[in-house]
Amino acid sequence: MKRISFWLILIVGLQIAWMAGTATVKELDLKRGATVLLETAPVDPRDLLAGDYVILSYKISNIPVGLFDDARQAAQEIQQSPNRVVYVLLRKNGQFHEAVRASFEPITTKRGELMIKGNIAPNQWQPSNVRINYGLEKYFVPEGTGNPTGKLSVNASVSSDGGAIIKQVYIDGKPYGEVMRSRVRK
């Protein structure tokens, strides 16, 4: 009996440690990562289990195959390897960051540049463009607030290895929650 309770406690303890470690890593990425402002185009679904969320599509999500060093070879690899990891170099242009280069290998950045990591979206490429998912495509919101109107933009934190996390979503330059609360009150 003591042996079973020891293993049970060990397993539960490891699960708790794993969850706490995952949360800690994400929080450190938020604090240490560089912040970028990304332009979006929304689509508004609802998930019966998860609730309301906004699907965010970014200008950097559809990139020209020509941003790869060898566009012809990149097109072949994209076609053969859906869901492959892609690194995209971002550079600030005005208010927003834009994609300026892409590679299947990590990219060395210069001052004023950031590298963001994503995956090729399966079955969503054309000979001239490829769609990339960065893990920033869903933003969960309180029930009844999943239908925003206005120009959306996202403040995301990008870690040194290219991982990204949404910090804040804005509607016409104001925080999402603030705007939606003011619309509910009216």
N, C-alpha and C. Protein backbone atom coordinates (compact mmCIF):
# COMPACT_ATOMS: atom_id res chain seq x y z
N MET A 1 0.82 -1.20 0.00
CA MET A 1 0.00 0.00 0.00
C MET A 1 0.86 1.26 0.00
N LYS A 2 1.95 1.23 0.83
CA LYS A 2 2.83 2.39 0.88
C LYS A 2 3.51 2.61 -0.47
N ARG A 3 3.82 1.53 -1.15
CA ARG A 3 4.49 1.63 -2.45
C ARG A 3 3.58 2.30 -3.48
N ILE A 4 2.29 1.95 -3.50
CA ILE A 4 1.35 2.54 -4.43
C ILE A 4 1.18 4.03 -4.13
N SER A 5 1.03 4.40 -2.86
CA SER A 5 0.85 5.82 -2.53
C SER A 5 2.11 6.62 -2.86
N PHE A 6 3.29 6.03 -2.72
CA PHE A 6 4.53 6.72 -3.09
C PHE A 6 4.52 7.05 -4.58
N TRP A 7 4.17 6.07 -5.43
CA TRP A 7 4.16 6.28 -6.87
C TRP A 7 3.06 7.27 -7.28
N LEU A 8 1.93 7.18 -6.62
CA LEU A 8 0.84 8.11 -6.90
C LEU A 8 1.26 9.55 -6.57
N ILE A 9 1.86 9.74 -5.41
CA ILE A 9 2.33 11.07 -5.02
C ILE A 9 3.41 11.55 -5.98
N LEU A 10 4.30 10.68 -6.39
CA LEU A 10 5.36 11.06 -7.33
C LEU A 10 4.78 11.49 -8.68
N ILE A 11 3.84 10.73 -9.18
CA ILE A 11 3.23 11.05 -10.48
C ILE A 11 2.47 12.38 -10.40
N VAL A 12 1.67 12.56 -9.39
CA VAL A 12 0.91 13.81 -9.23
C VAL A 12 1.89 14.98 -9.05
N GLY A 13 2.93 14.78 -8.27
CA GLY A 13 3.93 15.83 -8.06
C GLY A 13 4.63 16.22 -9.35
N LEU A 14 4.97 15.25 -10.19
CA LEU A 14 5.60 15.54 -11.48
C LEU A 14 4.66 16.30 -12.41
N GLN A 15 3.38 15.93 -12.40
CA GLN A 15 2.41 16.64 -13.23
C GLN A 15 2.27 18.10 -12.79
N ILE A 16 2.22 18.32 -11.49
CA ILE A 16 2.12 19.69 -10.97
C ILE A 16 3.39 20.47 -11.33
N ALA A 17 4.55 19.85 -11.19
CA ALA A 17 5.82 20.52 -11.53
C ALA A 17 5.86 20.86 -13.01
N TRP A 18 5.37 19.94 -13.86
CA TRP A 18 5.35 20.20 -15.30
C TRP A 18 4.45 21.39 -15.62
N MET A 19 3.25 21.45 -15.03
CA MET A 19 2.33 22.56 -15.30
C MET A 19 2.92 23.88 -14.80
N ALA A 20 3.50 23.88 -13.62
CA ALA A 20 4.10 25.10 -13.08
C ALA A 20 5.29 25.54 -13.93
N GLY A 21 6.09 24.58 -14.39
CA GLY A 21 7.23 24.90 -15.24
C GLY A 21 6.80 25.50 -16.57
N THR A 22 5.76 24.94 -17.18
CA THR A 22 5.25 25.47 -18.44
C THR A 22 4.75 26.90 -18.27
N ALA A 23 4.01 27.16 -17.22
CA ALA A 23 3.50 28.51 -16.96
C ALA A 23 4.65 29.48 -16.71
N THR A 24 5.65 29.04 -15.97
CA THR A 24 6.81 29.89 -15.68
C THR A 24 7.55 30.25 -16.95
N VAL A 25 7.78 29.28 -17.82
CA VAL A 25 8.48 29.54 -19.09
C VAL A 25 7.71 30.55 -19.93
N LYS A 26 6.39 30.41 -20.03
CA LYS A 26 5.57 31.35 -20.81
C LYS A 26 5.63 32.76 -20.20
N GLU A 27 5.57 32.86 -18.89
CA GLU A 27 5.65 34.16 -18.23
C GLU A 27 7.01 34.82 -18.47
N LEU A 28 8.08 34.03 -18.42
CA LEU A 28 9.42 34.57 -18.70
C LEU A 28 9.53 35.04 -20.14
N ASP A 29 8.93 34.29 -21.08
CA ASP A 29 8.92 34.71 -22.48
C ASP A 29 8.20 36.05 -22.64
N LEU A 30 7.09 36.22 -21.91
CA LEU A 30 6.35 37.48 -21.99
C LEU A 30 7.18 38.65 -21.47
N LYS A 31 7.90 38.43 -20.37
CA LYS A 31 8.68 39.52 -19.77
C LYS A 31 9.96 39.82 -20.52
N ARG A 32 10.65 38.80 -21.00
CA ARG A 32 11.96 38.98 -21.62
C ARG A 32 11.90 39.22 -23.12
N GLY A 33 10.82 38.80 -23.77
CA GLY A 33 10.74 38.88 -25.23
C GLY A 33 10.62 40.31 -25.73
N ALA A 34 11.06 40.51 -26.97
CA ALA A 34 10.89 41.80 -27.64
C ALA A 34 9.44 41.94 -28.04
N THR A 35 8.92 43.15 -27.99
CA THR A 35 7.53 43.40 -28.31
C THR A 35 7.39 43.90 -29.74
N VAL A 36 6.46 43.30 -30.49
CA VAL A 36 6.19 43.72 -31.86
C VAL A 36 4.70 44.03 -31.99
N LEU A 37 4.37 44.95 -32.85
CA LEU A 37 2.98 45.27 -33.15
C LEU A 37 2.68 44.71 -34.53
N LEU A 38 1.66 43.86 -34.61
CA LEU A 38 1.31 43.19 -35.86
C LEU A 38 -0.08 43.58 -36.32
N GLU A 39 -0.23 43.80 -37.61
CA GLU A 39 -1.50 44.16 -38.20
C GLU A 39 -2.30 42.89 -38.50
N THR A 40 -3.61 42.93 -38.27
CA THR A 40 -4.44 41.73 -38.41
C THR A 40 -5.65 41.95 -39.32
N ALA A 41 -6.31 40.82 -39.60
CA ALA A 41 -7.60 40.81 -40.29
C ALA A 41 -8.44 39.75 -39.58
N PRO A 42 -9.52 40.11 -38.88
CA PRO A 42 -10.24 39.15 -38.03
C PRO A 42 -11.25 38.26 -38.75
N VAL A 43 -11.51 37.11 -38.13
CA VAL A 43 -12.60 36.21 -38.46
C VAL A 43 -13.13 35.78 -37.09
N ASP A 44 -14.43 35.69 -36.92
CA ASP A 44 -14.97 35.52 -35.56
C ASP A 44 -15.81 34.26 -35.38
N PRO A 45 -15.22 33.18 -34.93
CA PRO A 45 -15.97 31.95 -34.68
C PRO A 45 -16.33 31.78 -33.20
N ARG A 46 -16.97 30.68 -32.90
CA ARG A 46 -17.28 30.31 -31.52
C ARG A 46 -17.06 28.82 -31.39
N ASP A 47 -16.43 28.41 -30.31
CA ASP A 47 -16.16 27.01 -30.02
C ASP A 47 -17.07 26.61 -28.86
N LEU A 48 -17.84 25.54 -29.03
CA LEU A 48 -18.78 25.13 -27.99
C LEU A 48 -18.08 24.76 -26.69
N LEU A 49 -16.89 24.22 -26.75
CA LEU A 49 -16.17 23.82 -25.54
C LEU A 49 -15.30 24.94 -24.97
N ALA A 50 -14.64 25.71 -25.83
CA ALA A 50 -13.71 26.72 -25.35
C ALA A 50 -14.33 28.10 -25.21
N GLY A 51 -15.46 28.35 -25.84
CA GLY A 51 -16.10 29.66 -25.74
C GLY A 51 -15.79 30.53 -26.94
N ASP A 52 -15.95 31.84 -26.75
CA ASP A 52 -15.72 32.79 -27.83
C ASP A 52 -14.23 33.02 -28.03
N TYR A 53 -13.86 33.18 -29.27
CA TYR A 53 -12.50 33.58 -29.58
C TYR A 53 -12.50 34.29 -30.92
N VAL A 54 -11.44 35.01 -31.15
CA VAL A 54 -11.26 35.72 -32.40
C VAL A 54 -10.11 35.06 -33.13
N ILE A 55 -10.32 34.72 -34.40
CA ILE A 55 -9.21 34.21 -35.21
C ILE A 55 -8.51 35.42 -35.80
N LEU A 56 -7.21 35.46 -35.61
CA LEU A 56 -6.42 36.58 -36.09
C LEU A 56 -5.55 36.12 -37.25
N SER A 57 -5.65 36.81 -38.33
CA SER A 57 -4.81 36.53 -39.49
C SER A 57 -3.93 37.76 -39.69
N TYR A 58 -2.65 37.54 -39.79
CA TYR A 58 -1.69 38.65 -39.86
C TYR A 58 -1.18 38.86 -41.28
N LYS A 59 -0.72 40.06 -41.54
CA LYS A 59 -0.08 40.31 -42.83
C LYS A 59 1.16 39.43 -42.98
N ILE A 60 1.83 39.14 -41.87
CA ILE A 60 3.02 38.29 -41.93
C ILE A 60 2.67 36.81 -42.04
N SER A 61 1.38 36.47 -42.04
CA SER A 61 0.96 35.07 -42.16
C SER A 61 1.03 34.57 -43.60
N ASN A 62 0.86 35.44 -44.56
CA ASN A 62 0.96 35.09 -45.98
C ASN A 62 2.20 35.78 -46.54
N ILE A 63 3.25 35.00 -46.74
CA ILE A 63 4.48 35.62 -47.22
C ILE A 63 4.83 35.11 -48.62
N PRO A 64 5.44 35.96 -49.43
CA PRO A 64 5.86 35.52 -50.76
C PRO A 64 6.98 34.49 -50.66
N VAL A 65 6.92 33.46 -51.49
CA VAL A 65 7.98 32.45 -51.52
C VAL A 65 9.32 33.12 -51.85
N GLY A 66 9.27 34.26 -52.54
CA GLY A 66 10.48 35.00 -52.89
C GLY A 66 11.27 35.52 -51.71
N LEU A 67 10.68 35.50 -50.49
CA LEU A 67 11.44 35.93 -49.31
C LEU A 67 12.47 34.89 -48.87
N PHE A 68 12.34 33.66 -49.38
CA PHE A 68 13.34 32.62 -49.09
C PHE A 68 14.55 32.87 -49.98
N ASP A 69 15.74 32.53 -49.50
CA ASP A 69 16.97 32.75 -50.27
C ASP A 69 16.92 32.04 -51.63
N ASP A 70 16.46 30.79 -51.64
CA ASP A 70 16.33 30.04 -52.89
C ASP A 70 14.84 29.72 -53.06
N ALA A 71 14.13 30.58 -53.74
CA ALA A 71 12.68 30.47 -53.85
C ALA A 71 12.23 29.16 -54.52
N ARG A 72 12.95 28.71 -55.53
CA ARG A 72 12.57 27.49 -56.24
C ARG A 72 12.67 26.27 -55.31
N GLN A 73 13.78 26.17 -54.60
CA GLN A 73 13.95 25.05 -53.68
C GLN A 73 12.97 25.16 -52.52
N ALA A 74 12.73 26.37 -52.04
CA ALA A 74 11.78 26.57 -50.95
C ALA A 74 10.39 26.12 -51.36
N ALA A 75 9.97 26.43 -52.58
CA ALA A 75 8.65 26.01 -53.06
C ALA A 75 8.52 24.49 -53.06
N GLN A 76 9.58 23.79 -53.46
CA GLN A 76 9.56 22.32 -53.45
C GLN A 76 9.46 21.79 -52.02
N GLU A 77 10.25 22.36 -51.11
CA GLU A 77 10.24 21.89 -49.72
C GLU A 77 8.90 22.18 -49.05
N ILE A 78 8.30 23.32 -49.35
CA ILE A 78 7.00 23.68 -48.78
C ILE A 78 5.96 22.67 -49.23
N GLN A 79 5.99 22.31 -50.50
CA GLN A 79 5.03 21.37 -51.05
C GLN A 79 5.20 19.98 -50.44
N GLN A 80 6.44 19.57 -50.17
CA GLN A 80 6.71 18.23 -49.66
C GLN A 80 6.59 18.13 -48.15
N SER A 81 6.74 19.25 -47.44
CA SER A 81 6.79 19.20 -45.97
C SER A 81 5.81 20.17 -45.32
N PRO A 82 4.51 19.91 -45.42
CA PRO A 82 3.58 20.80 -44.72
C PRO A 82 3.84 20.73 -43.22
N ASN A 83 3.61 21.81 -42.55
CA ASN A 83 3.79 21.93 -41.11
C ASN A 83 5.26 22.07 -40.72
N ARG A 84 6.15 22.28 -41.68
CA ARG A 84 7.57 22.44 -41.39
C ARG A 84 7.83 23.78 -40.69
N VAL A 85 8.83 23.81 -39.82
CA VAL A 85 9.19 25.03 -39.11
C VAL A 85 9.83 26.02 -40.09
N VAL A 86 9.40 27.28 -39.97
CA VAL A 86 9.92 28.36 -40.80
C VAL A 86 10.29 29.52 -39.87
N TYR A 87 11.39 30.18 -40.18
CA TYR A 87 11.83 31.34 -39.43
C TYR A 87 11.65 32.56 -40.33
N VAL A 88 11.00 33.60 -39.79
CA VAL A 88 10.72 34.81 -40.57
C VAL A 88 11.38 36.00 -39.88
N LEU A 89 12.11 36.77 -40.67
CA LEU A 89 12.78 37.96 -40.16
C LEU A 89 11.81 39.13 -40.26
N LEU A 90 11.60 39.82 -39.15
CA LEU A 90 10.71 40.97 -39.10
C LEU A 90 11.51 42.25 -38.93
N ARG A 91 11.05 43.28 -39.61
CA ARG A 91 11.66 44.60 -39.48
C ARG A 91 10.52 45.61 -39.35
N LYS A 92 10.70 46.57 -38.47
CA LYS A 92 9.66 47.59 -38.26
C LYS A 92 9.60 48.50 -39.47
N ASN A 93 8.37 48.69 -39.95
CA ASN A 93 8.12 49.59 -41.08
C ASN A 93 6.93 50.46 -40.67
N GLY A 94 7.22 51.67 -40.23
CA GLY A 94 6.17 52.53 -39.70
C GLY A 94 5.76 52.02 -38.33
N GLN A 95 4.46 51.84 -38.13
CA GLN A 95 3.94 51.40 -36.84
C GLN A 95 4.07 49.89 -36.63
N PHE A 96 4.04 49.11 -37.71
CA PHE A 96 3.99 47.65 -37.62
C PHE A 96 5.29 47.00 -38.08
N HIS A 97 5.49 45.76 -37.66
CA HIS A 97 6.61 44.94 -38.14
C HIS A 97 6.15 44.16 -39.37
N GLU A 98 7.04 44.00 -40.34
CA GLU A 98 6.73 43.29 -41.58
C GLU A 98 7.77 42.21 -41.85
N ALA A 99 7.36 41.19 -42.58
CA ALA A 99 8.27 40.11 -42.97
C ALA A 99 9.19 40.60 -44.09
N VAL A 100 10.51 40.37 -43.92
CA VAL A 100 11.46 40.79 -44.95
C VAL A 100 12.31 39.63 -45.46
N ARG A 101 12.30 38.50 -44.75
CA ARG A 101 13.09 37.34 -45.18
C ARG A 101 12.54 36.10 -44.49
N ALA A 102 12.71 34.94 -45.12
CA ALA A 102 12.25 33.67 -44.54
C ALA A 102 13.30 32.60 -44.78
N SER A 103 13.33 31.62 -43.86
CA SER A 103 14.31 30.55 -43.96
C SER A 103 13.82 29.32 -43.19
N PHE A 104 14.35 28.17 -43.56
CA PHE A 104 14.06 26.94 -42.81
C PHE A 104 15.04 26.77 -41.66
N GLU A 105 16.03 27.63 -41.58
CA GLU A 105 17.03 27.62 -40.51
C GLU A 105 16.91 28.93 -39.74
N PRO A 106 17.28 28.95 -38.44
CA PRO A 106 17.25 30.21 -37.70
C PRO A 106 18.05 31.30 -38.42
N ILE A 107 17.56 32.52 -38.33
CA ILE A 107 18.16 33.65 -39.03
C ILE A 107 18.90 34.54 -38.03
N THR A 108 20.10 34.96 -38.39
CA THR A 108 20.85 35.89 -37.56
C THR A 108 20.25 37.28 -37.77
N THR A 109 19.91 37.94 -36.67
CA THR A 109 19.28 39.25 -36.75
C THR A 109 20.30 40.36 -36.56
N LYS A 110 19.99 41.50 -37.14
CA LYS A 110 20.78 42.71 -36.94
C LYS A 110 19.98 43.65 -36.04
N ARG A 111 20.57 44.75 -35.70
CA ARG A 111 19.88 45.73 -34.86
C ARG A 111 18.58 46.17 -35.55
N GLY A 112 17.49 46.18 -34.78
CA GLY A 112 16.20 46.59 -35.33
C GLY A 112 15.42 45.47 -35.99
N GLU A 113 15.94 44.24 -35.97
CA GLU A 113 15.25 43.10 -36.57
C GLU A 113 14.92 42.06 -35.51
N LEU A 114 13.90 41.26 -35.79
CA LEU A 114 13.50 40.16 -34.92
C LEU A 114 13.23 38.93 -35.77
N MET A 115 13.45 37.77 -35.17
CA MET A 115 13.12 36.52 -35.85
C MET A 115 11.94 35.90 -35.12
N ILE A 116 10.91 35.52 -35.90
CA ILE A 116 9.74 34.85 -35.35
C ILE A 116 9.64 33.47 -36.01
N LYS A 117 9.24 32.48 -35.20
CA LYS A 117 9.17 31.10 -35.68
C LYS A 117 7.72 30.71 -35.89
N GLY A 118 7.46 30.00 -37.00
CA GLY A 118 6.12 29.51 -37.28
C GLY A 118 6.18 28.18 -37.99
N ASN A 119 5.02 27.70 -38.40
CA ASN A 119 4.92 26.45 -39.15
C ASN A 119 4.13 26.69 -40.42
N ILE A 120 4.52 26.01 -41.48
CA ILE A 120 3.79 26.10 -42.73
C ILE A 120 2.40 25.51 -42.51
N ALA A 121 1.38 26.25 -42.90
CA ALA A 121 0.01 25.77 -42.78
C ALA A 121 -0.24 24.72 -43.85
N PRO A 122 -0.67 23.52 -43.47
CA PRO A 122 -0.90 22.47 -44.45
C PRO A 122 -1.95 22.86 -45.48
N ASN A 123 -1.69 22.50 -46.72
CA ASN A 123 -2.62 22.70 -47.84
C ASN A 123 -3.04 24.15 -48.05
N GLN A 124 -2.21 25.10 -47.64
CA GLN A 124 -2.58 26.50 -47.82
C GLN A 124 -1.43 27.29 -48.44
N TRP A 125 -0.88 26.76 -49.48
CA TRP A 125 0.18 27.50 -50.16
C TRP A 125 -0.12 27.56 -51.64
N GLN A 126 0.42 28.56 -52.27
CA GLN A 126 0.30 28.74 -53.71
C GLN A 126 1.74 28.86 -54.22
N PRO A 127 1.96 28.73 -55.51
CA PRO A 127 3.33 28.82 -56.01
C PRO A 127 4.04 30.13 -55.63
N SER A 128 3.29 31.20 -55.42
CA SER A 128 3.93 32.47 -55.11
C SER A 128 3.86 32.86 -53.63
N ASN A 129 2.97 32.24 -52.85
CA ASN A 129 2.80 32.58 -51.44
C ASN A 129 2.71 31.33 -50.57
N VAL A 130 3.08 31.49 -49.31
CA VAL A 130 2.94 30.41 -48.34
C VAL A 130 2.30 30.99 -47.08
N ARG A 131 1.40 30.23 -46.48
CA ARG A 131 0.74 30.65 -45.24
C ARG A 131 1.49 30.04 -44.06
N ILE A 132 1.77 30.87 -43.08
CA ILE A 132 2.52 30.43 -41.90
C ILE A 132 1.69 30.71 -40.65
N ASN A 133 1.61 29.71 -39.76
CA ASN A 133 0.95 29.86 -38.46
C ASN A 133 2.02 30.08 -37.40
N TYR A 134 1.83 31.10 -36.57
CA TYR A 134 2.80 31.45 -35.54
C TYR A 134 2.35 31.07 -34.14
N GLY A 135 1.15 30.50 -34.02
CA GLY A 135 0.62 30.20 -32.69
C GLY A 135 -0.05 31.42 -32.08
N LEU A 136 -0.28 32.45 -32.88
CA LEU A 136 -0.91 33.69 -32.43
C LEU A 136 -2.28 33.87 -33.08
N GLU A 137 -2.82 32.81 -33.64
CA GLU A 137 -4.01 32.94 -34.47
C GLU A 137 -5.33 32.92 -33.69
N LYS A 138 -5.34 32.46 -32.45
CA LYS A 138 -6.58 32.44 -31.65
C LYS A 138 -6.40 33.32 -30.42
N TYR A 139 -7.40 34.15 -30.17
CA TYR A 139 -7.42 34.99 -28.98
C TYR A 139 -8.76 34.77 -28.30
N PHE A 140 -8.74 34.11 -27.13
CA PHE A 140 -9.97 33.79 -26.41
C PHE A 140 -10.46 35.02 -25.66
N VAL A 141 -11.77 35.24 -25.72
CA VAL A 141 -12.38 36.44 -25.15
C VAL A 141 -13.59 36.05 -24.31
N PRO A 142 -14.04 36.96 -23.43
CA PRO A 142 -15.25 36.66 -22.64
C PRO A 142 -16.45 36.43 -23.55
N GLU A 143 -17.39 35.62 -23.08
CA GLU A 143 -18.57 35.28 -23.87
C GLU A 143 -19.32 36.53 -24.29
N GLY A 144 -19.72 36.55 -25.54
CA GLY A 144 -20.47 37.67 -26.07
C GLY A 144 -19.61 38.81 -26.59
N THR A 145 -18.29 38.67 -26.53
CA THR A 145 -17.41 39.75 -27.00
C THR A 145 -16.57 39.30 -28.19
N GLY A 146 -16.94 38.21 -28.82
CA GLY A 146 -16.15 37.66 -29.91
C GLY A 146 -16.48 38.20 -31.28
N ASN A 147 -17.11 39.35 -31.35
CA ASN A 147 -17.47 39.90 -32.65
C ASN A 147 -17.06 41.38 -32.72
N PRO A 148 -15.76 41.63 -32.73
CA PRO A 148 -15.31 43.03 -32.72
C PRO A 148 -15.49 43.69 -34.08
N THR A 149 -15.71 44.99 -34.04
CA THR A 149 -15.72 45.78 -35.27
C THR A 149 -14.68 46.87 -35.09
N GLY A 150 -13.90 47.09 -36.12
CA GLY A 150 -12.83 48.06 -36.05
C GLY A 150 -11.53 47.42 -36.50
N LYS A 151 -10.49 48.21 -36.55
CA LYS A 151 -9.18 47.72 -36.97
C LYS A 151 -8.47 47.05 -35.80
N LEU A 152 -8.15 45.77 -35.96
CA LEU A 152 -7.46 45.02 -34.91
C LEU A 152 -5.96 45.04 -35.15
N SER A 153 -5.22 45.13 -34.05
CA SER A 153 -3.77 44.96 -34.09
C SER A 153 -3.38 44.20 -32.84
N VAL A 154 -2.22 43.56 -32.87
CA VAL A 154 -1.78 42.70 -31.77
C VAL A 154 -0.38 43.11 -31.32
N ASN A 155 -0.23 43.23 -30.01
CA ASN A 155 1.07 43.43 -29.41
C ASN A 155 1.52 42.04 -28.97
N ALA A 156 2.60 41.52 -29.54
CA ALA A 156 3.08 40.18 -29.22
C ALA A 156 4.50 40.26 -28.67
N SER A 157 4.81 39.35 -27.79
CA SER A 157 6.16 39.23 -27.25
C SER A 157 6.86 38.10 -28.00
N VAL A 158 8.04 38.39 -28.57
CA VAL A 158 8.80 37.41 -29.34
C VAL A 158 10.09 37.10 -28.58
N SER A 159 10.28 35.83 -28.22
CA SER A 159 11.48 35.43 -27.47
C SER A 159 12.67 35.31 -28.41
N SER A 160 13.84 35.14 -27.84
CA SER A 160 15.07 35.08 -28.63
C SER A 160 15.10 33.86 -29.56
N ASP A 161 14.36 32.79 -29.23
CA ASP A 161 14.33 31.62 -30.10
C ASP A 161 13.22 31.70 -31.15
N GLY A 162 12.45 32.80 -31.17
CA GLY A 162 11.43 33.02 -32.18
C GLY A 162 10.01 32.69 -31.76
N GLY A 163 9.83 32.12 -30.56
CA GLY A 163 8.48 31.84 -30.08
C GLY A 163 7.75 33.13 -29.77
N ALA A 164 6.44 33.15 -29.98
CA ALA A 164 5.67 34.37 -29.77
C ALA A 164 4.42 34.11 -28.94
N ILE A 165 4.05 35.13 -28.16
CA ILE A 165 2.87 35.07 -27.30
C ILE A 165 2.13 36.40 -27.42
N ILE A 166 0.81 36.35 -27.48
CA ILE A 166 0.01 37.57 -27.53
C ILE A 166 0.05 38.25 -26.17
N LYS A 167 0.41 39.53 -26.16
CA LYS A 167 0.38 40.33 -24.93
C LYS A 167 -0.94 41.09 -24.83
N GLN A 168 -1.36 41.69 -25.94
CA GLN A 168 -2.56 42.52 -25.93
C GLN A 168 -3.12 42.62 -27.35
N VAL A 169 -4.44 42.62 -27.46
CA VAL A 169 -5.10 42.85 -28.73
C VAL A 169 -5.79 44.21 -28.62
N TYR A 170 -5.68 44.98 -29.69
CA TYR A 170 -6.25 46.33 -29.71
C TYR A 170 -7.31 46.43 -30.80
N ILE A 171 -8.35 47.21 -30.52
CA ILE A 171 -9.36 47.58 -31.51
C ILE A 171 -9.21 49.08 -31.71
N ASP A 172 -8.87 49.47 -32.91
CA ASP A 172 -8.65 50.89 -33.22
C ASP A 172 -7.70 51.55 -32.21
N GLY A 173 -6.66 50.80 -31.81
CA GLY A 173 -5.64 51.35 -30.93
C GLY A 173 -5.95 51.30 -29.44
N LYS A 174 -7.13 50.80 -29.06
CA LYS A 174 -7.50 50.71 -27.64
C LYS A 174 -7.57 49.24 -27.24
N PRO A 175 -7.24 48.90 -25.98
CA PRO A 175 -7.28 47.49 -25.54
C PRO A 175 -8.64 46.84 -25.78
N TYR A 176 -8.60 45.61 -26.27
CA TYR A 176 -9.79 44.84 -26.65
C TYR A 176 -10.83 44.82 -25.53
N GLY A 177 -10.43 44.42 -24.34
CA GLY A 177 -11.37 44.30 -23.21
C GLY A 177 -12.05 45.61 -22.89
N GLU A 178 -11.27 46.69 -22.90
CA GLU A 178 -11.82 48.02 -22.60
C GLU A 178 -12.88 48.42 -23.62
N VAL A 179 -12.59 48.21 -24.89
CA VAL A 179 -13.53 48.57 -25.95
C VAL A 179 -14.80 47.73 -25.85
N MET A 180 -14.66 46.43 -25.64
CA MET A 180 -15.82 45.54 -25.60
C MET A 180 -16.68 45.84 -24.35
N ARG A 181 -16.05 46.16 -23.22
CA ARG A 181 -16.82 46.51 -22.02
C ARG A 181 -17.63 47.80 -22.25
N SER A 182 -17.00 48.78 -22.93
CA SER A 182 -17.71 50.04 -23.18
C SER A 182 -18.89 49.81 -24.15
N ARG A 183 -18.79 48.86 -25.05
CA ARG A 183 -19.89 48.57 -25.99
C ARG A 183 -21.02 47.84 -25.29
N VAL A 184 -20.72 47.01 -24.30
CA VAL A 184 -21.73 46.26 -23.57
C VAL A 184 -22.56 47.22 -22.70
N ARG A 185 -21.89 48.22 -22.10
CA ARG A 185 -22.57 49.19 -21.23
C ARG A 185 -23.57 50.05 -21.98
N LYS A 186 -23.34 50.29 -23.26
CA LYS A 186 -24.20 51.21 -24.02
C LYS A 186 -25.56 50.65 -24.27
